[in-house]
Amino acid sequence: MKFSCYQVNIQHRNQNNQKSQWKISEAEELEIFVTGLLNKWCDQTKMKIWSLPKQVGSFLQIGVERQSIGGSTKLYMAKFTCDHNGTWHGFPVSSKSVQDQPSEELMDVWYKMGLIDKSFRNKWSQGKI
């Protein structure tokens, strides 16, 4: 996995209605990234990481959906991507976005760790979160 730095992407903090928006601090965003990085919650290419806040037993809202498709939707999961230089950035993701889905294997890991429960997993799979 290539890593040179993490960069906060202002597009996900400036009320851009085409982008999901973080509702947590930049420090909390970085902490969620580091959790995913250290746990290697990545795809096969190692160019994408998914992560959740470390909050076992309850779900912490980290963002809202982009305004263009329903900005009131609360978001609980983040996806982080890497460019060719090893610079990472992330954003809150919705279950409605097909390209932002973590693998079933990763969902299994989170379930076994107690980070998500059966209800969350089912709602995510059905595109209701």
N, C-alpha and C. Protein backbone atom coordinates (compact mmCIF):
# COMPACT_ATOMS: atom_id res chain seq x y z
N MET A 1 0.85 -1.17 0.00
CA MET A 1 0.00 0.00 0.00
C MET A 1 0.90 1.23 0.00
N LYS A 2 0.71 2.10 -0.97
CA LYS A 2 1.51 3.30 -1.09
C LYS A 2 0.92 4.41 -0.21
N PHE A 3 1.77 5.03 0.60
CA PHE A 3 1.31 6.12 1.45
C PHE A 3 2.40 7.17 1.56
N SER A 4 2.09 8.39 1.15
CA SER A 4 3.03 9.49 1.38
C SER A 4 2.42 10.52 2.33
N CYS A 5 1.10 10.77 2.19
CA CYS A 5 0.46 11.72 3.10
C CYS A 5 -1.07 11.62 2.99
N TYR A 6 -1.73 12.26 3.96
CA TYR A 6 -3.18 12.38 3.92
C TYR A 6 -3.50 13.85 3.73
N GLN A 7 -4.45 14.13 2.84
CA GLN A 7 -4.83 15.51 2.55
C GLN A 7 -6.34 15.66 2.71
N VAL A 8 -6.76 16.57 3.57
CA VAL A 8 -8.18 16.89 3.71
C VAL A 8 -8.63 17.53 2.40
N ASN A 9 -9.71 17.02 1.83
CA ASN A 9 -10.24 17.55 0.57
C ASN A 9 -11.36 18.53 0.89
N ILE A 10 -11.11 19.79 0.64
CA ILE A 10 -12.05 20.86 1.00
C ILE A 10 -13.42 20.69 0.33
N GLN A 11 -13.47 20.00 -0.83
CA GLN A 11 -14.76 19.79 -1.50
C GLN A 11 -15.76 19.06 -0.63
N HIS A 12 -15.26 18.29 0.35
CA HIS A 12 -16.13 17.53 1.23
C HIS A 12 -16.39 18.26 2.55
N ARG A 13 -16.04 19.57 2.56
CA ARG A 13 -16.26 20.39 3.76
C ARG A 13 -16.85 21.76 3.43
N ASN A 14 -17.00 22.08 2.16
CA ASN A 14 -17.40 23.44 1.77
C ASN A 14 -18.84 23.56 1.27
N GLN A 15 -19.69 22.63 1.65
CA GLN A 15 -21.10 22.63 1.24
C GLN A 15 -21.30 22.46 -0.27
N ASN A 16 -20.32 21.87 -0.95
CA ASN A 16 -20.44 21.55 -2.38
C ASN A 16 -21.60 20.57 -2.54
N ASN A 17 -22.64 20.96 -3.27
CA ASN A 17 -23.83 20.10 -3.35
C ASN A 17 -23.65 18.89 -4.25
N GLN A 18 -22.48 18.74 -4.86
CA GLN A 18 -22.18 17.56 -5.67
C GLN A 18 -21.33 16.54 -4.91
N LYS A 19 -20.96 16.85 -3.67
CA LYS A 19 -20.08 15.99 -2.87
C LYS A 19 -20.69 15.73 -1.50
N SER A 20 -20.50 14.51 -0.99
CA SER A 20 -20.90 14.25 0.39
C SER A 20 -20.06 15.15 1.30
N GLN A 21 -20.60 15.46 2.48
CA GLN A 21 -19.95 16.42 3.37
C GLN A 21 -19.67 15.80 4.74
N TRP A 22 -18.44 16.01 5.22
CA TRP A 22 -18.08 15.59 6.57
C TRP A 22 -18.83 16.46 7.57
N LYS A 23 -19.24 15.85 8.69
CA LYS A 23 -19.85 16.58 9.81
C LYS A 23 -19.03 16.39 11.07
N ILE A 24 -17.80 15.95 10.91
CA ILE A 24 -16.88 15.75 12.03
C ILE A 24 -15.64 16.62 11.78
N SER A 25 -14.80 16.74 12.78
CA SER A 25 -13.60 17.56 12.63
C SER A 25 -12.58 16.90 11.70
N GLU A 26 -11.63 17.68 11.23
CA GLU A 26 -10.56 17.14 10.39
C GLU A 26 -9.74 16.11 11.17
N ALA A 27 -9.54 16.34 12.46
CA ALA A 27 -8.80 15.39 13.29
C ALA A 27 -9.54 14.05 13.36
N GLU A 28 -10.88 14.10 13.49
CA GLU A 28 -11.67 12.86 13.53
C GLU A 28 -11.65 12.16 12.17
N GLU A 29 -11.67 12.94 11.09
CA GLU A 29 -11.55 12.37 9.74
C GLU A 29 -10.23 11.60 9.62
N LEU A 30 -9.15 12.22 10.06
CA LEU A 30 -7.84 11.58 10.01
C LEU A 30 -7.80 10.32 10.87
N GLU A 31 -8.41 10.37 12.04
CA GLU A 31 -8.45 9.21 12.92
C GLU A 31 -9.18 8.03 12.27
N ILE A 32 -10.27 8.31 11.57
CA ILE A 32 -11.01 7.25 10.87
C ILE A 32 -10.15 6.66 9.76
N PHE A 33 -9.42 7.52 9.04
CA PHE A 33 -8.50 7.04 8.01
C PHE A 33 -7.43 6.13 8.61
N VAL A 34 -6.80 6.59 9.67
CA VAL A 34 -5.72 5.81 10.31
C VAL A 34 -6.24 4.46 10.79
N THR A 35 -7.46 4.42 11.32
CA THR A 35 -8.07 3.15 11.74
C THR A 35 -8.15 2.19 10.56
N GLY A 36 -8.65 2.67 9.43
CA GLY A 36 -8.75 1.83 8.24
C GLY A 36 -7.39 1.41 7.71
N LEU A 37 -6.43 2.34 7.72
CA LEU A 37 -5.08 2.06 7.24
C LEU A 37 -4.40 0.99 8.09
N LEU A 38 -4.43 1.18 9.41
CA LEU A 38 -3.76 0.23 10.31
C LEU A 38 -4.40 -1.15 10.29
N ASN A 39 -5.72 -1.19 10.09
CA ASN A 39 -6.41 -2.48 10.03
C ASN A 39 -6.39 -3.10 8.64
N LYS A 40 -5.84 -2.37 7.67
CA LYS A 40 -5.76 -2.83 6.27
C LYS A 40 -7.13 -3.17 5.70
N TRP A 41 -8.10 -2.27 5.95
CA TRP A 41 -9.46 -2.46 5.43
C TRP A 41 -9.52 -1.91 4.01
N CYS A 42 -8.73 -2.51 3.13
CA CYS A 42 -8.59 -2.01 1.77
C CYS A 42 -9.12 -3.00 0.74
N ASP A 43 -9.21 -2.52 -0.50
CA ASP A 43 -9.59 -3.41 -1.59
C ASP A 43 -8.36 -4.15 -2.09
N GLN A 44 -8.53 -4.98 -3.10
CA GLN A 44 -7.42 -5.79 -3.61
C GLN A 44 -6.31 -4.94 -4.23
N THR A 45 -6.67 -3.79 -4.78
CA THR A 45 -5.66 -2.92 -5.40
C THR A 45 -4.86 -2.15 -4.35
N LYS A 46 -5.35 -2.12 -3.13
CA LYS A 46 -4.77 -1.34 -2.04
C LYS A 46 -4.76 0.16 -2.33
N MET A 47 -5.69 0.59 -3.18
CA MET A 47 -5.83 2.00 -3.53
C MET A 47 -7.10 2.61 -2.93
N LYS A 48 -7.87 1.79 -2.22
CA LYS A 48 -9.09 2.26 -1.56
C LYS A 48 -9.16 1.63 -0.18
N ILE A 49 -9.54 2.44 0.78
CA ILE A 49 -9.72 1.99 2.16
C ILE A 49 -11.12 2.41 2.59
N TRP A 50 -11.79 1.53 3.33
CA TRP A 50 -13.07 1.88 3.95
C TRP A 50 -12.84 1.87 5.45
N SER A 51 -13.57 2.71 6.16
CA SER A 51 -13.40 2.74 7.61
C SER A 51 -14.64 3.30 8.28
N LEU A 52 -14.68 3.06 9.58
CA LEU A 52 -15.76 3.51 10.46
C LEU A 52 -15.13 4.16 11.68
N PRO A 53 -15.88 5.04 12.35
CA PRO A 53 -15.37 5.55 13.62
C PRO A 53 -15.25 4.39 14.62
N LYS A 54 -14.30 4.48 15.52
CA LYS A 54 -14.14 3.46 16.56
C LYS A 54 -15.19 3.70 17.63
N GLN A 55 -16.36 3.23 17.41
CA GLN A 55 -17.46 3.42 18.36
C GLN A 55 -18.28 2.14 18.39
N VAL A 56 -17.82 1.17 19.13
CA VAL A 56 -18.51 -0.11 19.20
C VAL A 56 -19.85 0.05 19.91
N GLY A 57 -20.88 -0.54 19.31
CA GLY A 57 -22.18 -0.57 19.97
C GLY A 57 -23.15 0.52 19.56
N SER A 58 -22.65 1.59 18.97
CA SER A 58 -23.55 2.63 18.48
C SER A 58 -22.95 3.22 17.22
N PHE A 59 -23.77 3.89 16.45
CA PHE A 59 -23.32 4.41 15.17
C PHE A 59 -23.20 5.92 15.25
N LEU A 60 -22.05 6.41 14.87
CA LEU A 60 -21.75 7.83 14.91
C LEU A 60 -21.89 8.40 13.50
N GLN A 61 -22.75 9.38 13.35
CA GLN A 61 -22.88 10.04 12.05
C GLN A 61 -21.61 10.82 11.78
N ILE A 62 -21.02 10.58 10.61
CA ILE A 62 -19.79 11.30 10.24
C ILE A 62 -20.01 12.28 9.11
N GLY A 63 -21.15 12.17 8.42
CA GLY A 63 -21.39 13.07 7.30
C GLY A 63 -22.81 13.03 6.81
N VAL A 64 -23.05 13.77 5.71
CA VAL A 64 -24.35 13.77 5.05
C VAL A 64 -24.15 13.59 3.55
N GLU A 65 -25.18 13.02 2.92
CA GLU A 65 -25.18 12.77 1.48
C GLU A 65 -25.11 14.08 0.72
N ARG A 66 -24.60 14.03 -0.48
CA ARG A 66 -24.56 15.25 -1.32
C ARG A 66 -25.98 15.76 -1.58
N GLN A 67 -26.11 17.06 -1.61
CA GLN A 67 -27.42 17.71 -1.77
C GLN A 67 -28.13 17.28 -3.05
N SER A 68 -27.36 17.03 -4.10
CA SER A 68 -27.95 16.71 -5.40
C SER A 68 -28.76 15.42 -5.38
N ILE A 69 -28.52 14.55 -4.37
CA ILE A 69 -29.32 13.31 -4.30
C ILE A 69 -29.92 13.07 -2.92
N GLY A 70 -30.09 14.12 -2.16
CA GLY A 70 -30.79 13.97 -0.88
C GLY A 70 -29.91 14.25 0.31
N GLY A 71 -29.47 15.47 0.44
CA GLY A 71 -28.49 15.86 1.45
C GLY A 71 -28.85 15.63 2.89
N SER A 72 -30.06 15.23 3.19
CA SER A 72 -30.42 15.01 4.59
C SER A 72 -30.05 13.60 5.06
N THR A 73 -29.63 12.73 4.15
CA THR A 73 -29.28 11.36 4.52
C THR A 73 -28.01 11.35 5.38
N LYS A 74 -28.10 10.76 6.56
CA LYS A 74 -26.96 10.66 7.46
C LYS A 74 -26.02 9.56 6.95
N LEU A 75 -24.71 9.81 7.04
CA LEU A 75 -23.71 8.84 6.59
C LEU A 75 -22.84 8.41 7.76
N TYR A 76 -22.47 7.13 7.77
CA TYR A 76 -21.77 6.52 8.90
C TYR A 76 -20.45 5.86 8.52
N MET A 77 -20.16 5.76 7.25
CA MET A 77 -18.99 5.04 6.76
C MET A 77 -18.19 5.96 5.84
N ALA A 78 -16.88 5.75 5.79
CA ALA A 78 -16.03 6.56 4.92
C ALA A 78 -15.23 5.69 3.97
N LYS A 79 -14.93 6.28 2.83
CA LYS A 79 -14.06 5.65 1.83
C LYS A 79 -12.90 6.60 1.59
N PHE A 80 -11.72 6.04 1.45
CA PHE A 80 -10.51 6.83 1.22
C PHE A 80 -9.84 6.31 -0.05
N THR A 81 -9.38 7.23 -0.88
CA THR A 81 -8.73 6.84 -2.13
C THR A 81 -7.34 7.46 -2.20
N CYS A 82 -6.52 6.82 -3.01
CA CYS A 82 -5.12 7.20 -3.15
C CYS A 82 -4.82 7.59 -4.59
N ASP A 83 -4.04 8.65 -4.77
CA ASP A 83 -3.62 8.99 -6.13
C ASP A 83 -2.27 8.32 -6.43
N HIS A 84 -1.74 8.55 -7.61
CA HIS A 84 -0.50 7.88 -8.03
C HIS A 84 0.72 8.30 -7.21
N ASN A 85 0.62 9.41 -6.48
CA ASN A 85 1.73 9.87 -5.63
C ASN A 85 1.66 9.34 -4.20
N GLY A 86 0.61 8.59 -3.89
CA GLY A 86 0.44 8.09 -2.53
C GLY A 86 -0.24 9.07 -1.60
N THR A 87 -0.90 10.09 -2.16
CA THR A 87 -1.66 11.04 -1.37
C THR A 87 -3.10 10.54 -1.24
N TRP A 88 -3.56 10.44 -0.01
CA TRP A 88 -4.89 9.91 0.27
C TRP A 88 -5.84 11.04 0.64
N HIS A 89 -7.11 10.85 0.32
CA HIS A 89 -8.18 11.72 0.83
C HIS A 89 -9.43 10.85 0.97
N GLY A 90 -10.38 11.33 1.76
CA GLY A 90 -11.57 10.52 2.00
C GLY A 90 -12.84 11.33 2.05
N PHE A 91 -13.94 10.58 2.12
CA PHE A 91 -15.26 11.20 2.14
C PHE A 91 -16.26 10.22 2.71
N PRO A 92 -17.33 10.73 3.32
CA PRO A 92 -18.40 9.86 3.81
C PRO A 92 -19.13 9.23 2.61
N VAL A 93 -19.54 7.97 2.75
CA VAL A 93 -20.21 7.27 1.65
C VAL A 93 -21.58 6.75 2.05
N SER A 94 -22.40 6.59 1.01
CA SER A 94 -23.76 6.10 1.15
C SER A 94 -23.87 4.70 0.56
N SER A 95 -24.76 3.92 1.11
CA SER A 95 -25.01 2.57 0.58
C SER A 95 -25.67 2.63 -0.79
N LYS A 96 -26.17 3.80 -1.16
CA LYS A 96 -26.84 3.96 -2.46
C LYS A 96 -25.86 4.09 -3.61
N SER A 97 -24.60 4.33 -3.31
CA SER A 97 -23.58 4.53 -4.33
C SER A 97 -22.84 3.21 -4.58
N VAL A 98 -23.09 2.59 -5.71
CA VAL A 98 -22.53 1.27 -6.02
C VAL A 98 -21.01 1.26 -5.97
N GLN A 99 -20.35 2.30 -6.48
CA GLN A 99 -18.89 2.31 -6.52
C GLN A 99 -18.26 2.54 -5.15
N ASP A 100 -19.05 2.86 -4.15
CA ASP A 100 -18.52 3.12 -2.81
C ASP A 100 -18.76 1.98 -1.82
N GLN A 101 -19.10 0.82 -2.32
CA GLN A 101 -19.43 -0.32 -1.46
C GLN A 101 -18.17 -1.05 -0.96
N PRO A 102 -18.06 -1.29 0.34
CA PRO A 102 -16.99 -2.17 0.82
C PRO A 102 -17.35 -3.61 0.45
N SER A 103 -16.37 -4.47 0.47
CA SER A 103 -16.61 -5.88 0.14
C SER A 103 -17.43 -6.57 1.23
N GLU A 104 -18.06 -7.66 0.86
CA GLU A 104 -18.79 -8.47 1.85
C GLU A 104 -17.83 -9.01 2.90
N GLU A 105 -16.60 -9.33 2.49
CA GLU A 105 -15.59 -9.83 3.44
C GLU A 105 -15.29 -8.78 4.51
N LEU A 106 -15.17 -7.52 4.08
CA LEU A 106 -14.91 -6.46 5.05
C LEU A 106 -16.10 -6.25 5.97
N MET A 107 -17.30 -6.33 5.42
CA MET A 107 -18.50 -6.21 6.27
C MET A 107 -18.51 -7.34 7.30
N ASP A 108 -18.07 -8.55 6.92
CA ASP A 108 -17.95 -9.68 7.85
C ASP A 108 -16.98 -9.35 8.98
N VAL A 109 -15.84 -8.78 8.62
CA VAL A 109 -14.83 -8.41 9.62
C VAL A 109 -15.41 -7.42 10.62
N TRP A 110 -16.07 -6.39 10.11
CA TRP A 110 -16.65 -5.38 11.00
C TRP A 110 -17.73 -5.99 11.90
N TYR A 111 -18.52 -6.89 11.34
CA TYR A 111 -19.57 -7.55 12.12
C TYR A 111 -18.95 -8.37 13.25
N LYS A 112 -17.92 -9.15 12.92
CA LYS A 112 -17.26 -9.99 13.93
C LYS A 112 -16.56 -9.16 15.00
N MET A 113 -16.09 -7.97 14.62
CA MET A 113 -15.44 -7.07 15.58
C MET A 113 -16.45 -6.31 16.44
N GLY A 114 -17.72 -6.38 16.07
CA GLY A 114 -18.74 -5.65 16.81
C GLY A 114 -18.87 -4.19 16.41
N LEU A 115 -18.24 -3.80 15.28
CA LEU A 115 -18.33 -2.42 14.82
C LEU A 115 -19.65 -2.13 14.13
N ILE A 116 -20.24 -3.16 13.54
CA ILE A 116 -21.58 -3.03 12.96
C ILE A 116 -22.42 -4.20 13.48
N ASP A 117 -23.71 -4.01 13.52
CA ASP A 117 -24.59 -5.10 13.93
C ASP A 117 -25.35 -5.63 12.71
N LYS A 118 -26.14 -6.65 12.94
CA LYS A 118 -26.89 -7.29 11.85
C LYS A 118 -27.85 -6.30 11.19
N SER A 119 -28.48 -5.46 11.98
CA SER A 119 -29.43 -4.48 11.46
C SER A 119 -28.73 -3.50 10.52
N PHE A 120 -27.58 -2.97 10.94
CA PHE A 120 -26.83 -2.04 10.10
C PHE A 120 -26.42 -2.72 8.80
N ARG A 121 -25.90 -3.92 8.92
CA ARG A 121 -25.44 -4.64 7.73
C ARG A 121 -26.59 -4.88 6.75
N ASN A 122 -27.73 -5.31 7.26
CA ASN A 122 -28.89 -5.55 6.39
C ASN A 122 -29.36 -4.26 5.73
N LYS A 123 -29.45 -3.18 6.51
CA LYS A 123 -29.88 -1.90 5.95
C LYS A 123 -28.90 -1.41 4.89
N TRP A 124 -27.60 -1.60 5.15
CA TRP A 124 -26.58 -1.19 4.17
C TRP A 124 -26.77 -1.99 2.88
N SER A 125 -26.91 -3.29 3.00
CA SER A 125 -27.08 -4.16 1.82
C SER A 125 -28.31 -3.80 1.01
N GLN A 126 -29.34 -3.30 1.69
CA GLN A 126 -30.59 -2.93 1.02
C GLN A 126 -30.58 -1.48 0.53
N GLY A 127 -29.46 -0.78 0.73
CA GLY A 127 -29.37 0.61 0.28
C GLY A 127 -30.19 1.58 1.10
N LYS A 128 -30.41 1.26 2.37
CA LYS A 128 -31.26 2.10 3.21
C LYS A 128 -30.48 2.99 4.17
N ILE A 129 -29.17 2.95 4.09
CA ILE A 129 -28.34 3.79 4.97
C ILE A 129 -27.47 4.68 4.09
